[in-house]
């Protein structure tokens, strides 16, 4: 994963970078695998979209915030986000928080 380019999320999500691990370049037919890296204090925006996604935490401590509440996350935690559900992920620790995120191909355009 180290040699995969990191894309800074800029003004949308300061302190968050993304890596497309398996995606359009590999001509995948169905899903895209991405890695998100959140610096301490960083968060993804509060948002929703028309597709589901699955999350697996690979490093650090975080928080999944959804319409039904909050869930503490740590290495090995998994989260299912249904389509059209408002959600956000936050780094809740003092070190890097990293997670794998799987979405349909249309979610990575």
C-alpha atoms as a PDB file:
ATOM      1  CA  UNK A   1       0.000   0.000   0.000  1.00  0.00           C
ATOM      2  CA  UNK A   2       2.962   2.291   0.470  1.00  0.00           C
ATOM      3  CA  UNK A   3       3.644   2.644  -3.258  1.00  0.00           C
ATOM      4  CA  UNK A   4       0.022   3.537  -4.111  1.00  0.00           C
ATOM      5  CA  UNK A   5      -0.373   7.317  -4.595  1.00  0.00           C
ATOM      6  CA  UNK A   6      -2.046   9.218  -1.770  1.00  0.00           C
ATOM      7  CA  UNK A   7      -4.715  11.744  -2.705  1.00  0.00           C
ATOM      8  CA  UNK A   8      -5.198  14.596  -0.233  1.00  0.00           C
ATOM      9  CA  UNK A   9      -8.877  15.328   0.373  1.00  0.00           C
ATOM     10  CA  UNK A  10      -8.040  19.046   0.668  1.00  0.00           C
ATOM     11  CA  UNK A  11     -10.681  21.520   1.808  1.00  0.00           C
ATOM     12  CA  UNK A  12     -13.370  18.815   1.833  1.00  0.00           C
ATOM     13  CA  UNK A  13     -11.611  16.820   4.560  1.00  0.00           C
ATOM     14  CA  UNK A  14      -8.390  18.397   5.887  1.00  0.00           C
ATOM     15  CA  UNK A  15      -6.005  15.806   7.309  1.00  0.00           C
ATOM     16  CA  UNK A  16      -7.573  12.967   5.303  1.00  0.00           C
ATOM     17  CA  UNK A  17      -5.860  11.166   2.424  1.00  0.00           C
ATOM     18  CA  UNK A  18      -7.162   8.417   0.160  1.00  0.00           C
ATOM     19  CA  UNK A  19      -5.483   5.613  -1.754  1.00  0.00           C
ATOM     20  CA  UNK A  20      -7.302   3.681  -4.484  1.00  0.00           C
ATOM     21  CA  UNK A  21      -5.855   0.199  -3.912  1.00  0.00           C
ATOM     22  CA  UNK A  22      -7.952  -1.651  -6.504  1.00  0.00           C
ATOM     23  CA  UNK A  23     -10.027   0.412  -8.898  1.00  0.00           C
ATOM     24  CA  UNK A  24     -10.550   1.741 -12.402  1.00  0.00           C
ATOM     25  CA  UNK A  25      -6.886   1.252 -13.357  1.00  0.00           C
ATOM     26  CA  UNK A  26      -7.317  -2.488 -12.765  1.00  0.00           C
ATOM     27  CA  UNK A  27     -10.575  -2.498 -14.783  1.00  0.00           C
ATOM     28  CA  UNK A  28     -12.541  -4.019 -11.910  1.00  0.00           C
ATOM     29  CA  UNK A  29     -16.137  -4.887 -12.825  1.00  0.00           C
ATOM     30  CA  UNK A  30     -17.962  -4.366  -9.527  1.00  0.00           C
ATOM     31  CA  UNK A  31     -16.160  -2.936  -6.474  1.00  0.00           C
ATOM     32  CA  UNK A  32     -13.352  -0.513  -5.658  1.00  0.00           C
ATOM     33  CA  UNK A  33     -11.085  -0.938  -2.613  1.00  0.00           C
ATOM     34  CA  UNK A  34      -9.819   2.274  -1.044  1.00  0.00           C
ATOM     35  CA  UNK A  35      -7.762   3.119   2.020  1.00  0.00           C
ATOM     36  CA  UNK A  36      -8.502   6.278   3.974  1.00  0.00           C
ATOM     37  CA  UNK A  37      -5.891   7.695   6.344  1.00  0.00           C
ATOM     38  CA  UNK A  38      -7.000  10.245   8.946  1.00  0.00           C
ATOM     39  CA  UNK A  39      -4.535  12.277  10.981  1.00  0.00           C
ATOM     40  CA  UNK A  40      -5.348  12.894  14.661  1.00  0.00           C
ATOM     41  CA  UNK A  41      -8.358  15.216  14.876  1.00  0.00           C
ATOM     42  CA  UNK A  42      -9.344  14.687  11.225  1.00  0.00           C
ATOM     43  CA  UNK A  43     -12.767  13.583   9.984  1.00  0.00           C
ATOM     44  CA  UNK A  44     -14.567  12.817   6.760  1.00  0.00           C
ATOM     45  CA  UNK A  45     -17.449  15.162   5.909  1.00  0.00           C
ATOM     46  CA  UNK A  46     -21.002  14.460   7.129  1.00  0.00           C
ATOM     47  CA  UNK A  47     -22.475  13.056   3.920  1.00  0.00           C
ATOM     48  CA  UNK A  48     -24.578  10.427   2.169  1.00  0.00           C
ATOM     49  CA  UNK A  49     -24.694   8.754  -1.232  1.00  0.00           C
ATOM     50  CA  UNK A  50     -26.810   6.292  -3.191  1.00  0.00           C
ATOM     51  CA  UNK A  51     -24.546   3.278  -2.653  1.00  0.00           C
ATOM     52  CA  UNK A  52     -23.623   1.098   0.292  1.00  0.00           C
ATOM     53  CA  UNK A  53     -20.100   0.656   1.526  1.00  0.00           C
ATOM     54  CA  UNK A  54     -18.204  -1.561   3.884  1.00  0.00           C
ATOM     55  CA  UNK A  55     -15.431  -0.416   6.212  1.00  0.00           C
ATOM     56  CA  UNK A  56     -12.676  -2.373   7.968  1.00  0.00           C
ATOM     57  CA  UNK A  57     -10.399  -0.547  10.404  1.00  0.00           C
ATOM     58  CA  UNK A  58      -6.732  -1.463   9.977  1.00  0.00           C
ATOM     59  CA  UNK A  59      -5.045   1.022  12.315  1.00  0.00           C
ATOM     60  CA  UNK A  60      -5.793   3.331  15.232  1.00  0.00           C
ATOM     61  CA  UNK A  61      -8.985   4.378  16.986  1.00  0.00           C
ATOM     62  CA  UNK A  62     -11.948   6.032  15.362  1.00  0.00           C
ATOM     63  CA  UNK A  63     -15.583   6.837  15.544  1.00  0.00           C
ATOM     64  CA  UNK A  64     -18.350   6.045  13.048  1.00  0.00           C
ATOM     65  CA  UNK A  65     -21.134   8.598  13.288  1.00  0.00           C
ATOM     66  CA  UNK A  66     -24.454   7.766  11.670  1.00  0.00           C
ATOM     67  CA  UNK A  67     -28.113   8.666  11.808  1.00  0.00           C
ATOM     68  CA  UNK A  68     -28.632   6.031  14.518  1.00  0.00           C
ATOM     69  CA  UNK A  69     -25.755   7.116  16.731  1.00  0.00           C
ATOM     70  CA  UNK A  70     -22.027   6.597  17.213  1.00  0.00           C
ATOM     71  CA  UNK A  71     -19.853   3.494  17.227  1.00  0.00           C
ATOM     72  CA  UNK A  72     -16.340   3.275  18.662  1.00  0.00           C
ATOM     73  CA  UNK A  73     -13.882   1.740  16.202  1.00  0.00           C
ATOM     74  CA  UNK A  74     -10.485   0.075  16.590  1.00  0.00           C
ATOM     75  CA  UNK A  75      -8.321  -2.239  14.534  1.00  0.00           C
ATOM     76  CA  UNK A  76     -10.479  -5.091  13.256  1.00  0.00           C
ATOM     77  CA  UNK A  77     -13.790  -3.241  13.621  1.00  0.00           C
ATOM     78  CA  UNK A  78     -16.139  -3.450  10.642  1.00  0.00           C
ATOM     79  CA  UNK A  79     -18.984  -1.140   9.635  1.00  0.00           C
ATOM     80  CA  UNK A  80     -21.741  -1.435   7.038  1.00  0.00           C
ATOM     81  CA  UNK A  81     -23.109   1.890   5.765  1.00  0.00           C
ATOM     82  CA  UNK A  82     -26.428   1.474   3.929  1.00  0.00           C
ATOM     83  CA  UNK A  83     -27.293   3.563   0.874  1.00  0.00           C
ATOM     84  CA  UNK A  84     -28.581   7.085   1.601  1.00  0.00           C
ATOM     85  CA  UNK A  85     -27.580   7.043   5.285  1.00  0.00           C
ATOM     86  CA  UNK A  86     -25.876  10.187   6.578  1.00  0.00           C
ATOM     87  CA  UNK A  87     -22.499   9.252   8.047  1.00  0.00           C
ATOM     88  CA  UNK A  88     -19.026  10.396   8.993  1.00  0.00           C
ATOM     89  CA  UNK A  89     -15.791   8.863  10.253  1.00  0.00           C
ATOM     90  CA  UNK A  90     -13.530  10.566  12.799  1.00  0.00           C
ATOM     91  CA  UNK A  91     -10.085   9.869  14.179  1.00  0.00           C
ATOM     92  CA  UNK A  92     -10.694   9.452  17.916  1.00  0.00           C
ATOM     93  CA  UNK A  93      -7.089   8.767  18.880  1.00  0.00           C
ATOM     94  CA  UNK A  94      -3.672  10.365  19.104  1.00  0.00           C
ATOM     95  CA  UNK A  95      -2.189   8.375  16.224  1.00  0.00           C
ATOM     96  CA  UNK A  96      -3.146   7.747  12.597  1.00  0.00           C
ATOM     97  CA  UNK A  97      -6.556   6.151  11.973  1.00  0.00           C
ATOM     98  CA  UNK A  98      -6.708   4.051   8.804  1.00  0.00           C
ATOM     99  CA  UNK A  99      -9.538   2.064   7.229  1.00  0.00           C
ATOM    100  CA  UNK A 100     -10.307   0.086   4.109  1.00  0.00           C
ATOM    101  CA  UNK A 101     -13.478   1.167   2.321  1.00  0.00           C
ATOM    102  CA  UNK A 102     -15.242  -0.888  -0.354  1.00  0.00           C
ATOM    103  CA  UNK A 103     -17.722   0.823  -2.686  1.00  0.00           C
ATOM    104  CA  UNK A 104     -19.330   0.000  -6.030  1.00  0.00           C
ATOM    105  CA  UNK A 105     -17.340   1.243  -9.017  1.00  0.00           C
ATOM    106  CA  UNK A 106     -19.768   4.145  -9.487  1.00  0.00           C
ATOM    107  CA  UNK A 107     -18.714   5.362  -6.014  1.00  0.00           C
ATOM    108  CA  UNK A 108     -15.159   6.039  -7.230  1.00  0.00           C
ATOM    109  CA  UNK A 109     -15.530   8.214 -10.306  1.00  0.00           C
END
